[in-house]
Amino acid sequence: MRIRDIWVRRVRHHLTNQWKTWRLLFDWTIILYGVIPLVIFLVYQYRLLWQGERPWLEEIPMIAWAVMLLLLFLLDHFFVWLERADVTLVADRALIGIMKRYSVGYQLVMSVVKYIFVLGLMAPVLRLHDWSIATILVFGFGLLFIAWLHMWLRYMLEIRRSHWILRLLLPFISLSWIYALLANVPLLAFLLGSGMVAWTLVASEGWLSTHAYVSREVEHAAEVRTSFDRSLLSTSGILEKPNLRKRPFYRPAPNRFGSVQRTLALLLYVRTPSHRNLWLRLIPLAITGILLVPSWFKVLIPIYIGYVGLQERNAFIKEMQRHPFFRSVRGRTD
């Protein structure tokens, strides 16, 4: 098997895992009743931006837009598609170098796609400040260049375990560079850009040949690739977090809520993510619908919520009757 085939298989496996994670979090009900209306609303608002019907955006200072772009930069993470076996079992320096080159190309393509989308979102705001199309395109190229240098330098500083002052200095320089481009200060932008390029050349010297920190790069890549699944799944209730309590949980009396069946029903309902998350989805949907839906159509929203609640109650009763706990305590009232 060629090195390119190994790299393609790892990328495909990683993207498949990400897709499965999103599918666990967003079922068809969320997409139908939440994502699609939100996309339609955002497209409508974006159309209004191009028509100039949101003039208050022009009053937002450029430093605020620079801070928001810097927050987007902090979400970028560079990593190499290397695994522990490539270093411990194979130990092929040619394989490591080729995988690094493929990693650079992959991250570059992803950055281009991401910041073309970001530039498209910012274009109507820049038009409010009387920017020409050519100026917007030049700014987009500069934005991509800053984002790439910021991501690459942050990666190299983490791998080399540089001093925390250098890590703190990097986002400050990037923020100043973005503000210089937005505020049309070409001399400051040129000086900051030249300094960042020189810093990048010094920090990345020998990266494709010496592999001095390859073990750290492997660990960093594993952490970045799995952080997406861990962060989303652990906060969604799909994965149970480990119990670190040394004292036992408080256990209520069997008939705390009137009867054994009612007590177990409430505990089962609260601890079941599928039932609990239904209301976490419906409540924001109802609030958003009441705010956006015009005139008397607002009456349809509580009717719909009541219908869904009735169907949820019937489904839970059937599930409760099939549960072993309820079969064992059937007929008890103490």
C-alpha atoms as a PDB file:
ATOM      1  CA  MET A   1       0.000   0.000   0.000  1.00  0.00           C
ATOM      2  CA  ARG A   2       1.311   3.415  -0.984  1.00  0.00           C
ATOM      3  CA  ILE A   3       1.741   6.263   1.489  1.00  0.00           C
ATOM      4  CA  ARG A   4      -0.928   8.259  -0.322  1.00  0.00           C
ATOM      5  CA  ASP A   5      -3.425   5.416   0.158  1.00  0.00           C
ATOM      6  CA  ILE A   6      -2.652   5.315   3.876  1.00  0.00           C
ATOM      7  CA  TRP A   7      -3.197   9.056   4.171  1.00  0.00           C
ATOM      8  CA  VAL A   8      -6.484   8.938   2.207  1.00  0.00           C
ATOM      9  CA  ARG A   9      -7.768   6.104   4.386  1.00  0.00           C
ATOM     10  CA  ARG A  10      -6.985   8.024   7.575  1.00  0.00           C
ATOM     11  CA  VAL A  11      -8.672  11.186   6.311  1.00  0.00           C
ATOM     12  CA  ARG A  12     -11.738   9.230   5.205  1.00  0.00           C
ATOM     13  CA  HIS A  13     -11.928   7.451   8.557  1.00  0.00           C
ATOM     14  CA  HIS A  14     -11.631  10.755  10.430  1.00  0.00           C
ATOM     15  CA  LEU A  15     -14.345  12.461   8.364  1.00  0.00           C
ATOM     16  CA  THR A  16     -16.626   9.433   8.742  1.00  0.00           C
ATOM     17  CA  ASN A  17     -16.280   9.561  12.523  1.00  0.00           C
ATOM     18  CA  GLN A  18     -17.105  13.274  12.507  1.00  0.00           C
ATOM     19  CA  TRP A  19     -20.188  12.638  10.372  1.00  0.00           C
ATOM     20  CA  LYS A  20     -21.368   9.894  12.733  1.00  0.00           C
ATOM     21  CA  THR A  21     -20.875  12.228  15.684  1.00  0.00           C
ATOM     22  CA  TRP A  22     -23.026  14.940  14.093  1.00  0.00           C
ATOM     23  CA  ARG A  23     -25.669  12.340  13.213  1.00  0.00           C
ATOM     24  CA  LEU A  24     -25.837  11.276  16.863  1.00  0.00           C
ATOM     25  CA  LEU A  25     -26.383  14.871  17.943  1.00  0.00           C
ATOM     26  CA  PHE A  26     -28.744  16.041  15.192  1.00  0.00           C
ATOM     27  CA  ASP A  27     -31.536  13.700  14.192  1.00  0.00           C
ATOM     28  CA  TRP A  28     -34.102  14.454  11.505  1.00  0.00           C
ATOM     29  CA  THR A  29     -36.414  16.312  13.914  1.00  0.00           C
ATOM     30  CA  ILE A  30     -33.712  18.849  14.797  1.00  0.00           C
ATOM     31  CA  ILE A  31     -32.804  19.308  11.133  1.00  0.00           C
ATOM     32  CA  LEU A  32     -36.444  19.661  10.054  1.00  0.00           C
ATOM     33  CA  TYR A  33     -37.696  21.925  12.835  1.00  0.00           C
ATOM     34  CA  GLY A  34     -34.497  23.718  13.865  1.00  0.00           C
ATOM     35  CA  VAL A  35     -31.683  23.736  11.305  1.00  0.00           C
ATOM     36  CA  ILE A  36     -33.738  24.316   8.144  1.00  0.00           C
ATOM     37  CA  PRO A  37     -35.779  27.263   9.572  1.00  0.00           C
ATOM     38  CA  LEU A  38     -32.571  28.772  10.988  1.00  0.00           C
ATOM     39  CA  VAL A  39     -30.821  28.497   7.598  1.00  0.00           C
ATOM     40  CA  ILE A  40     -33.796  30.122   5.851  1.00  0.00           C
ATOM     41  CA  PHE A  41     -33.810  32.937   8.406  1.00  0.00           C
ATOM     42  CA  LEU A  42     -30.056  33.524   8.056  1.00  0.00           C
ATOM     43  CA  VAL A  43     -30.242  33.549   4.245  1.00  0.00           C
ATOM     44  CA  TYR A  44     -33.036  36.127   4.464  1.00  0.00           C
ATOM     45  CA  GLN A  45     -30.975  38.281   6.844  1.00  0.00           C
ATOM     46  CA  TYR A  46     -27.941  37.951   4.559  1.00  0.00           C
ATOM     47  CA  ARG A  47     -30.040  39.196   1.645  1.00  0.00           C
ATOM     48  CA  LEU A  48     -31.088  42.188   3.731  1.00  0.00           C
ATOM     49  CA  LEU A  49     -27.416  42.906   4.436  1.00  0.00           C
ATOM     50  CA  TRP A  50     -26.645  43.156   0.733  1.00  0.00           C
ATOM     51  CA  GLN A  51     -29.612  45.500   0.320  1.00  0.00           C
ATOM     52  CA  GLY A  52     -28.200  47.790   3.003  1.00  0.00           C
ATOM     53  CA  GLU A  53     -31.134  47.425   5.407  1.00  0.00           C
ATOM     54  CA  ARG A  54     -28.908  46.890   8.442  1.00  0.00           C
ATOM     55  CA  PRO A  55     -27.060  50.228   8.627  1.00  0.00           C
ATOM     56  CA  TRP A  56     -26.304  49.795  12.325  1.00  0.00           C
ATOM     57  CA  LEU A  57     -23.550  47.350  11.353  1.00  0.00           C
ATOM     58  CA  GLU A  58     -21.573  50.292  10.026  1.00  0.00           C
ATOM     59  CA  GLU A  59     -21.358  51.709  13.545  1.00  0.00           C
ATOM     60  CA  ILE A  60     -19.538  48.628  14.897  1.00  0.00           C
ATOM     61  CA  PRO A  61     -15.842  49.554  15.316  1.00  0.00           C
ATOM     62  CA  MET A  62     -13.238  47.707  13.293  1.00  0.00           C
ATOM     63  CA  ILE A  63     -11.517  46.448  16.438  1.00  0.00           C
ATOM     64  CA  ALA A  64     -14.662  44.442  17.249  1.00  0.00           C
ATOM     65  CA  TRP A  65     -14.547  42.741  13.818  1.00  0.00           C
ATOM     66  CA  ALA A  66     -10.833  42.083  14.345  1.00  0.00           C
ATOM     67  CA  VAL A  67     -11.540  40.390  17.692  1.00  0.00           C
ATOM     68  CA  MET A  68     -14.230  38.197  16.125  1.00  0.00           C
ATOM     69  CA  LEU A  69     -11.848  37.137  13.359  1.00  0.00           C
ATOM     70  CA  LEU A  70      -9.169  36.342  15.939  1.00  0.00           C
ATOM     71  CA  LEU A  71     -11.651  34.071  17.739  1.00  0.00           C
ATOM     72  CA  LEU A  72     -12.118  32.223  14.446  1.00  0.00           C
ATOM     73  CA  PHE A  73      -8.345  31.873  14.170  1.00  0.00           C
ATOM     74  CA  LEU A  74      -8.200  30.270  17.609  1.00  0.00           C
ATOM     75  CA  LEU A  75     -10.521  27.511  16.376  1.00  0.00           C
ATOM     76  CA  ASP A  76      -7.997  26.457  13.711  1.00  0.00           C
ATOM     77  CA  HIS A  77      -5.762  23.541  14.664  1.00  0.00           C
ATOM     78  CA  PHE A  78      -2.929  22.176  12.576  1.00  0.00           C
ATOM     79  CA  PHE A  79      -1.976  18.516  12.984  1.00  0.00           C
ATOM     80  CA  VAL A  80      -0.148  15.834  11.040  1.00  0.00           C
ATOM     81  CA  TRP A  81      -1.735  12.558   9.961  1.00  0.00           C
ATOM     82  CA  LEU A  82       0.790  10.465  11.848  1.00  0.00           C
ATOM     83  CA  GLU A  83       0.108   7.635  14.269  1.00  0.00           C
ATOM     84  CA  ARG A  84       2.234   5.972  16.899  1.00  0.00           C
ATOM     85  CA  ALA A  85       2.950   2.936  14.703  1.00  0.00           C
ATOM     86  CA  ASP A  86       4.536   5.165  12.062  1.00  0.00           C
ATOM     87  CA  VAL A  87       7.217   6.131  14.546  1.00  0.00           C
ATOM     88  CA  THR A  88       7.663   3.039  16.717  1.00  0.00           C
ATOM     89  CA  LEU A  89       7.101   0.212  14.205  1.00  0.00           C
ATOM     90  CA  VAL A  90       7.813   1.644  10.766  1.00  0.00           C
ATOM     91  CA  ALA A  91      10.377   4.347  11.678  1.00  0.00           C
ATOM     92  CA  ASP A  92      10.536   5.437   8.034  1.00  0.00           C
ATOM     93  CA  ARG A  93      11.744   9.012   7.740  1.00  0.00           C
ATOM     94  CA  ALA A  94      10.499   9.204   4.147  1.00  0.00           C
ATOM     95  CA  LEU A  95       6.997   8.209   5.283  1.00  0.00           C
ATOM     96  CA  ILE A  96       7.005  10.879   7.998  1.00  0.00           C
ATOM     97  CA  GLY A  97       8.104  13.584   5.564  1.00  0.00           C
ATOM     98  CA  ILE A  98       5.493  12.644   2.954  1.00  0.00           C
ATOM     99  CA  MET A  99       2.722  12.509   5.553  1.00  0.00           C
ATOM    100  CA  LYS A 100       3.741  15.968   6.742  1.00  0.00           C
ATOM    101  CA  ARG A 101       3.535  17.346   3.198  1.00  0.00           C
ATOM    102  CA  TYR A 102       0.083  15.802   2.754  1.00  0.00           C
ATOM    103  CA  SER A 103      -0.956  17.321   6.080  1.00  0.00           C
ATOM    104  CA  VAL A 104       0.117  20.787   4.951  1.00  0.00           C
ATOM    105  CA  GLY A 105      -1.883  20.446   1.730  1.00  0.00           C
ATOM    106  CA  TYR A 106      -4.973  19.215   3.570  1.00  0.00           C
ATOM    107  CA  GLN A 107      -4.927  22.042   6.100  1.00  0.00           C
ATOM    108  CA  LEU A 108      -4.325  24.592   3.341  1.00  0.00           C
ATOM    109  CA  VAL A 109      -7.363  23.425   1.368  1.00  0.00           C
ATOM    110  CA  MET A 110      -9.550  23.450   4.495  1.00  0.00           C
ATOM    111  CA  SER A 111      -8.363  26.955   5.375  1.00  0.00           C
ATOM    112  CA  VAL A 112      -9.108  28.243   1.862  1.00  0.00           C
ATOM    113  CA  VAL A 113     -12.651  26.836   1.964  1.00  0.00           C
ATOM    114  CA  LYS A 114     -13.304  28.193   5.460  1.00  0.00           C
ATOM    115  CA  TYR A 115     -12.073  31.728   4.865  1.00  0.00           C
ATOM    116  CA  ILE A 116     -13.751  32.047   1.481  1.00  0.00           C
ATOM    117  CA  PHE A 117     -16.979  31.417   3.402  1.00  0.00           C
ATOM    118  CA  VAL A 118     -15.972  33.927   6.096  1.00  0.00           C
ATOM    119  CA  LEU A 119     -15.125  36.521   3.438  1.00  0.00           C
ATOM    120  CA  GLY A 120     -18.521  35.979   1.841  1.00  0.00           C
ATOM    121  CA  LEU A 121     -20.198  36.658   5.186  1.00  0.00           C
ATOM    122  CA  MET A 122     -18.152  39.813   5.776  1.00  0.00           C
ATOM    123  CA  ALA A 123     -18.477  41.187   2.235  1.00  0.00           C
ATOM    124  CA  PRO A 124     -21.795  43.071   2.775  1.00  0.00           C
ATOM    125  CA  VAL A 125     -20.403  44.646   5.964  1.00  0.00           C
ATOM    126  CA  LEU A 126     -17.313  45.833   4.092  1.00  0.00           C
ATOM    127  CA  ARG A 127     -19.515  47.193   1.313  1.00  0.00           C
ATOM    128  CA  LEU A 128     -21.243  49.368   3.905  1.00  0.00           C
ATOM    129  CA  HIS A 129     -17.830  51.002   4.452  1.00  0.00           C
ATOM    130  CA  ASP A 130     -17.539  51.685   0.681  1.00  0.00           C
ATOM    131  CA  TRP A 131     -14.957  49.010  -0.018  1.00  0.00           C
ATOM    132  CA  SER A 132     -14.580  48.023  -3.658  1.00  0.00           C
ATOM    133  CA  ILE A 133     -14.714  44.416  -4.853  1.00  0.00           C
ATOM    134  CA  ALA A 134     -10.960  44.428  -5.556  1.00  0.00           C
ATOM    135  CA  THR A 135     -10.221  45.722  -2.048  1.00  0.00           C
ATOM    136  CA  ILE A 136     -12.424  43.016  -0.532  1.00  0.00           C
ATOM    137  CA  LEU A 137     -10.592  40.315  -2.519  1.00  0.00           C
ATOM    138  CA  VAL A 138      -7.206  41.644  -1.413  1.00  0.00           C
ATOM    139  CA  PHE A 139      -8.440  41.689   2.180  1.00  0.00           C
ATOM    140  CA  GLY A 140      -9.611  38.078   1.785  1.00  0.00           C
ATOM    141  CA  PHE A 141      -6.158  37.003   0.620  1.00  0.00           C
ATOM    142  CA  GLY A 142      -4.574  38.831   3.552  1.00  0.00           C
ATOM    143  CA  LEU A 143      -7.067  37.240   5.955  1.00  0.00           C
ATOM    144  CA  LEU A 144      -6.197  33.760   4.703  1.00  0.00           C
ATOM    145  CA  PHE A 145      -2.486  34.547   4.985  1.00  0.00           C
ATOM    146  CA  ILE A 146      -2.832  35.758   8.585  1.00  0.00           C
ATOM    147  CA  ALA A 147      -4.960  32.769   9.549  1.00  0.00           C
ATOM    148  CA  TRP A 148      -2.446  30.322   8.108  1.00  0.00           C
ATOM    149  CA  LEU A 149       0.566  31.935   9.785  1.00  0.00           C
ATOM    150  CA  HIS A 150      -1.298  32.153  13.108  1.00  0.00           C
ATOM    151  CA  MET A 151      -2.305  28.468  12.964  1.00  0.00           C
ATOM    152  CA  TRP A 152       1.140  27.324  11.881  1.00  0.00           C
ATOM    153  CA  LEU A 153       3.071  29.372  14.453  1.00  0.00           C
ATOM    154  CA  ARG A 154       0.731  28.321  17.261  1.00  0.00           C
ATOM    155  CA  TYR A 155       1.312  24.696  16.295  1.00  0.00           C
ATOM    156  CA  MET A 156       5.090  25.080  16.222  1.00  0.00           C
ATOM    157  CA  LEU A 157       5.143  26.915  19.568  1.00  0.00           C
ATOM    158  CA  GLU A 158       3.082  24.136  21.158  1.00  0.00           C
ATOM    159  CA  ILE A 159       5.280  21.399  19.703  1.00  0.00           C
ATOM    160  CA  ARG A 160       8.486  23.136  20.743  1.00  0.00           C
ATOM    161  CA  ARG A 161       6.936  23.976  24.154  1.00  0.00           C
ATOM    162  CA  SER A 162       8.014  27.580  23.869  1.00  0.00           C
ATOM    163  CA  HIS A 163       7.675  30.137  26.621  1.00  0.00           C
ATOM    164  CA  TRP A 164       4.158  31.308  27.448  1.00  0.00           C
ATOM    165  CA  ILE A 165       5.085  34.904  26.604  1.00  0.00           C
ATOM    166  CA  LEU A 166       5.661  33.923  22.979  1.00  0.00           C
ATOM    167  CA  ARG A 167       2.324  32.118  22.892  1.00  0.00           C
ATOM    168  CA  LEU A 168       0.628  35.212  24.294  1.00  0.00           C
ATOM    169  CA  LEU A 169       2.448  37.490  21.862  1.00  0.00           C
ATOM    170  CA  LEU A 170       1.249  35.559  18.801  1.00  0.00           C
ATOM    171  CA  PRO A 171      -2.511  36.369  19.040  1.00  0.00           C
ATOM    172  CA  PHE A 172      -1.691  39.969  19.970  1.00  0.00           C
ATOM    173  CA  ILE A 173       0.369  40.417  16.787  1.00  0.00           C
ATOM    174  CA  SER A 174      -2.316  38.698  14.712  1.00  0.00           C
ATOM    175  CA  LEU A 175      -4.995  40.983  16.174  1.00  0.00           C
ATOM    176  CA  SER A 176      -2.913  44.055  15.382  1.00  0.00           C
ATOM    177  CA  TRP A 177      -2.335  42.825  11.834  1.00  0.00           C
ATOM    178  CA  ILE A 178      -6.057  42.227  11.218  1.00  0.00           C
ATOM    179  CA  TYR A 179      -6.910  45.659  12.596  1.00  0.00           C
ATOM    180  CA  ALA A 180      -4.274  47.262  10.373  1.00  0.00           C
ATOM    181  CA  LEU A 181      -5.907  45.685   7.309  1.00  0.00           C
ATOM    182  CA  LEU A 182      -9.429  46.668   8.373  1.00  0.00           C
ATOM    183  CA  ALA A 183      -8.440  50.227   9.333  1.00  0.00           C
ATOM    184  CA  ASN A 184      -6.417  50.676   6.097  1.00  0.00           C
ATOM    185  CA  VAL A 185      -2.994  51.184   7.701  1.00  0.00           C
ATOM    186  CA  PRO A 186      -0.728  49.600   5.038  1.00  0.00           C
ATOM    187  CA  LEU A 187       2.609  50.446   6.647  1.00  0.00           C
ATOM    188  CA  LEU A 188       1.725  48.773   9.950  1.00  0.00           C
ATOM    189  CA  ALA A 189       0.291  45.760   8.102  1.00  0.00           C
ATOM    190  CA  PHE A 190       3.498  45.416   6.067  1.00  0.00           C
ATOM    191  CA  LEU A 191       5.731  45.581   9.136  1.00  0.00           C
ATOM    192  CA  LEU A 192       3.670  43.057  11.098  1.00  0.00           C
ATOM    193  CA  GLY A 193       3.426  40.744   8.099  1.00  0.00           C
ATOM    194  CA  SER A 194       7.170  40.803   7.509  1.00  0.00           C
ATOM    195  CA  GLY A 195       7.827  40.031  11.161  1.00  0.00           C
ATOM    196  CA  MET A 196       5.355  37.127  11.164  1.00  0.00           C
ATOM    197  CA  VAL A 197       6.890  35.630   8.024  1.00  0.00           C
ATOM    198  CA  ALA A 198      10.414  35.859   9.497  1.00  0.00           C
ATOM    199  CA  TRP A 199       9.180  34.297  12.744  1.00  0.00           C
ATOM    200  CA  THR A 200       7.548  31.468  10.786  1.00  0.00           C
ATOM    201  CA  LEU A 201      10.723  30.711   8.828  1.00  0.00           C
ATOM    202  CA  VAL A 202      12.789  30.530  12.014  1.00  0.00           C
ATOM    203  CA  ALA A 203      10.263  28.394  13.928  1.00  0.00           C
ATOM    204  CA  SER A 204       9.683  25.877  11.110  1.00  0.00           C
ATOM    205  CA  GLU A 205      13.310  25.334  10.126  1.00  0.00           C
ATOM    206  CA  GLY A 206      13.982  21.646   9.522  1.00  0.00           C
ATOM    207  CA  TRP A 207      10.370  20.595  10.107  1.00  0.00           C
ATOM    208  CA  LEU A 208      10.254  18.419   6.979  1.00  0.00           C
ATOM    209  CA  SER A 209      13.697  16.861   7.474  1.00  0.00           C
ATOM    210  CA  THR A 210      14.880  16.544  11.072  1.00  0.00           C
ATOM    211  CA  HIS A 211      11.639  15.437  12.852  1.00  0.00           C
ATOM    212  CA  ALA A 212      13.052  16.378  16.222  1.00  0.00           C
ATOM    213  CA  TYR A 213       9.625  16.545  17.927  1.00  0.00           C
ATOM    214  CA  VAL A 214       7.813  13.784  16.047  1.00  0.00           C
ATOM    215  CA  SER A 215       6.600  12.022  19.226  1.00  0.00           C
ATOM    216  CA  ARG A 216       4.995  15.260  20.441  1.00  0.00           C
ATOM    217  CA  GLU A 217       3.457  15.771  17.016  1.00  0.00           C
ATOM    218  CA  VAL A 218       1.878  12.314  17.158  1.00  0.00           C
ATOM    219  CA  GLU A 219       0.389  13.017  20.593  1.00  0.00           C
ATOM    220  CA  HIS A 220      -0.853  16.425  19.481  1.00  0.00           C
ATOM    221  CA  ALA A 221      -2.491  14.940  16.365  1.00  0.00           C
ATOM    222  CA  ALA A 222      -4.286  12.282  18.409  1.00  0.00           C
ATOM    223  CA  GLU A 223      -5.605  14.885  20.846  1.00  0.00           C
ATOM    224  CA  VAL A 224      -6.869  17.194  18.090  1.00  0.00           C
ATOM    225  CA  ARG A 225      -8.556  14.398  16.119  1.00  0.00           C
ATOM    226  CA  THR A 226     -10.407  13.071  19.177  1.00  0.00           C
ATOM    227  CA  SER A 227     -11.215  16.418  20.829  1.00  0.00           C
ATOM    228  CA  PHE A 228     -14.166  16.960  18.484  1.00  0.00           C
ATOM    229  CA  ASP A 229     -15.870  13.719  19.503  1.00  0.00           C
ATOM    230  CA  ARG A 230     -15.063  14.076  23.192  1.00  0.00           C
ATOM    231  CA  SER A 231     -16.283  17.659  23.523  1.00  0.00           C
ATOM    232  CA  LEU A 232     -19.561  17.186  21.654  1.00  0.00           C
ATOM    233  CA  LEU A 233     -20.506  13.740  22.888  1.00  0.00           C
ATOM    234  CA  SER A 234     -19.640  14.378  26.537  1.00  0.00           C
ATOM    235  CA  THR A 235     -21.741  17.564  26.677  1.00  0.00           C
ATOM    236  CA  SER A 236     -24.701  16.131  24.782  1.00  0.00           C
ATOM    237  CA  GLY A 237     -25.596  13.348  27.228  1.00  0.00           C
ATOM    238  CA  ILE A 238     -24.908  10.595  24.712  1.00  0.00           C
ATOM    239  CA  LEU A 239     -21.780   9.468  26.555  1.00  0.00           C
ATOM    240  CA  GLU A 240     -21.934   8.938  30.289  1.00  0.00           C
ATOM    241  CA  LYS A 241     -19.254  10.786  32.193  1.00  0.00           C
ATOM    242  CA  PRO A 242     -17.333   8.668  34.717  1.00  0.00           C
ATOM    243  CA  ASN A 243     -18.608   8.864  38.260  1.00  0.00           C
ATOM    244  CA  LEU A 244     -15.842  10.251  40.461  1.00  0.00           C
ATOM    245  CA  ARG A 245     -17.973  10.567  43.607  1.00  0.00           C
ATOM    246  CA  LYS A 246     -16.789   8.546  46.571  1.00  0.00           C
ATOM    247  CA  ARG A 247     -20.070   8.951  48.479  1.00  0.00           C
ATOM    248  CA  PRO A 248     -23.178   7.235  47.086  1.00  0.00           C
ATOM    249  CA  PHE A 249     -25.850   9.317  45.425  1.00  0.00           C
ATOM    250  CA  TYR A 250     -28.917  10.268  47.451  1.00  0.00           C
ATOM    251  CA  ARG A 251     -31.593   7.658  46.890  1.00  0.00           C
ATOM    252  CA  PRO A 252     -35.183   8.830  47.497  1.00  0.00           C
ATOM    253  CA  ALA A 253     -37.797   6.756  49.226  1.00  0.00           C
ATOM    254  CA  PRO A 254     -39.626   4.284  46.937  1.00  0.00           C
ATOM    255  CA  ASN A 255     -42.896   6.191  47.277  1.00  0.00           C
ATOM    256  CA  ARG A 256     -41.468   9.698  47.394  1.00  0.00           C
ATOM    257  CA  PHE A 257     -43.777  10.919  44.600  1.00  0.00           C
ATOM    258  CA  GLY A 258     -46.927   9.118  45.620  1.00  0.00           C
ATOM    259  CA  SER A 259     -46.267   5.568  44.437  1.00  0.00           C
ATOM    260  CA  VAL A 260     -43.454   3.285  43.357  1.00  0.00           C
ATOM    261  CA  GLN A 261     -44.477   3.466  39.707  1.00  0.00           C
ATOM    262  CA  ARG A 262     -44.690   7.250  39.670  1.00  0.00           C
ATOM    263  CA  THR A 263     -41.331   7.607  41.410  1.00  0.00           C
ATOM    264  CA  LEU A 264     -39.582   5.244  39.003  1.00  0.00           C
ATOM    265  CA  ALA A 265     -41.306   6.892  36.042  1.00  0.00           C
ATOM    266  CA  LEU A 266     -39.997  10.326  36.996  1.00  0.00           C
ATOM    267  CA  LEU A 267     -36.470   9.049  37.636  1.00  0.00           C
ATOM    268  CA  LEU A 268     -36.429   7.117  34.353  1.00  0.00           C
ATOM    269  CA  TYR A 269     -37.745  10.116  32.402  1.00  0.00           C
ATOM    270  CA  VAL A 270     -35.180  12.512  33.842  1.00  0.00           C
ATOM    271  CA  ARG A 271     -32.246  10.156  33.317  1.00  0.00           C
ATOM    272  CA  THR A 272     -33.151   9.197  29.726  1.00  0.00           C
ATOM    273  CA  PRO A 273     -31.403  11.552  27.262  1.00  0.00           C
ATOM    274  CA  SER A 274     -33.822  10.910  24.390  1.00  0.00           C
ATOM    275  CA  HIS A 275     -36.845  12.091  26.405  1.00  0.00           C
ATOM    276  CA  ARG A 276     -35.056  14.881  28.241  1.00  0.00           C
ATOM    277  CA  ASN A 277     -33.421  16.317  25.111  1.00  0.00           C
ATOM    278  CA  LEU A 278     -36.776  16.477  23.331  1.00  0.00           C
ATOM    279  CA  TRP A 279     -37.855  19.374  25.518  1.00  0.00           C
ATOM    280  CA  LEU A 280     -34.426  20.974  25.276  1.00  0.00           C
ATOM    281  CA  ARG A 281     -35.112  21.137  21.534  1.00  0.00           C
ATOM    282  CA  LEU A 282     -38.782  22.107  21.617  1.00  0.00           C
ATOM    283  CA  ILE A 283     -38.500  24.968  24.120  1.00  0.00           C
ATOM    284  CA  PRO A 284     -35.993  27.033  22.048  1.00  0.00           C
ATOM    285  CA  LEU A 285     -37.999  26.194  18.915  1.00  0.00           C
ATOM    286  CA  ALA A 286     -41.210  27.474  20.535  1.00  0.00           C
ATOM    287  CA  ILE A 287     -39.585  30.693  21.772  1.00  0.00           C
ATOM    288  CA  THR A 288     -38.008  31.363  18.373  1.00  0.00           C
ATOM    289  CA  GLY A 289     -41.281  30.630  16.590  1.00  0.00           C
ATOM    290  CA  ILE A 290     -43.278  33.004  18.791  1.00  0.00           C
ATOM    291  CA  LEU A 291     -40.746  35.758  18.091  1.00  0.00           C
ATOM    292  CA  LEU A 292     -40.591  35.237  14.322  1.00  0.00           C
ATOM    293  CA  VAL A 293     -44.013  33.956  13.263  1.00  0.00           C
ATOM    294  CA  PRO A 294     -46.345  36.879  12.412  1.00  0.00           C
ATOM    295  CA  SER A 295     -49.921  37.669  13.634  1.00  0.00           C
ATOM    296  CA  TRP A 296     -52.359  34.919  14.631  1.00  0.00           C
ATOM    297  CA  PHE A 297     -50.148  32.083  13.389  1.00  0.00           C
ATOM    298  CA  LYS A 298     -48.515  32.189  16.836  1.00  0.00           C
ATOM    299  CA  VAL A 299     -51.528  30.213  18.119  1.00  0.00           C
ATOM    300  CA  LEU A 300     -50.384  27.199  16.109  1.00  0.00           C
ATOM    301  CA  ILE A 301     -47.140  26.906  18.072  1.00  0.00           C
ATOM    302  CA  PRO A 302     -48.637  25.939  21.508  1.00  0.00           C
ATOM    303  CA  ILE A 303     -51.038  23.602  19.699  1.00  0.00           C
ATOM    304  CA  TYR A 304     -48.089  21.882  18.054  1.00  0.00           C
ATOM    305  CA  ILE A 305     -46.140  21.717  21.321  1.00  0.00           C
ATOM    306  CA  GLY A 306     -49.168  20.200  23.065  1.00  0.00           C
ATOM    307  CA  TYR A 307     -49.550  17.590  20.310  1.00  0.00           C
ATOM    308  CA  VAL A 308     -45.873  16.623  20.539  1.00  0.00           C
ATOM    309  CA  GLY A 309     -46.163  16.454  24.342  1.00  0.00           C
ATOM    310  CA  LEU A 310     -49.158  14.099  24.078  1.00  0.00           C
ATOM    311  CA  GLN A 311     -47.338  11.829  21.642  1.00  0.00           C
ATOM    312  CA  GLU A 312     -44.277  11.879  23.910  1.00  0.00           C
ATOM    313  CA  ARG A 313     -46.408  10.917  26.929  1.00  0.00           C
ATOM    314  CA  ASN A 314     -47.978   7.967  25.095  1.00  0.00           C
ATOM    315  CA  ALA A 315     -44.590   6.770  23.813  1.00  0.00           C
ATOM    316  CA  PHE A 316     -43.068   6.988  27.288  1.00  0.00           C
ATOM    317  CA  ILE A 317     -45.940   5.087  28.899  1.00  0.00           C
ATOM    318  CA  LYS A 318     -45.471   2.235  26.436  1.00  0.00           C
ATOM    319  CA  GLU A 319     -41.713   2.243  27.072  1.00  0.00           C
ATOM    320  CA  MET A 320     -42.286   2.342  30.830  1.00  0.00           C
ATOM    321  CA  GLN A 321     -44.608  -0.656  30.719  1.00  0.00           C
ATOM    322  CA  ARG A 322     -41.924  -2.712  28.948  1.00  0.00           C
ATOM    323  CA  HIS A 323     -39.237  -1.804  31.488  1.00  0.00           C
ATOM    324  CA  PRO A 324     -38.189  -4.653  33.865  1.00  0.00           C
ATOM    325  CA  PHE A 325     -38.444  -2.399  36.946  1.00  0.00           C
ATOM    326  CA  PHE A 326     -42.081  -1.609  36.285  1.00  0.00           C
ATOM    327  CA  ARG A 327     -42.921  -5.212  35.558  1.00  0.00           C
ATOM    328  CA  SER A 328     -41.417  -6.260  38.870  1.00  0.00           C
ATOM    329  CA  VAL A 329     -43.291  -3.630  40.950  1.00  0.00           C
ATOM    330  CA  ARG A 330     -46.602  -3.837  39.103  1.00  0.00           C
ATOM    331  CA  GLY A 331     -49.442  -3.668  41.585  1.00  0.00           C
ATOM    332  CA  ARG A 332     -47.355  -2.202  44.437  1.00  0.00           C
ATOM    333  CA  THR A 333     -48.409   1.139  45.974  1.00  0.00           C
ATOM    334  CA  ASP A 334     -46.093   1.334  49.025  1.00  0.00           C
END
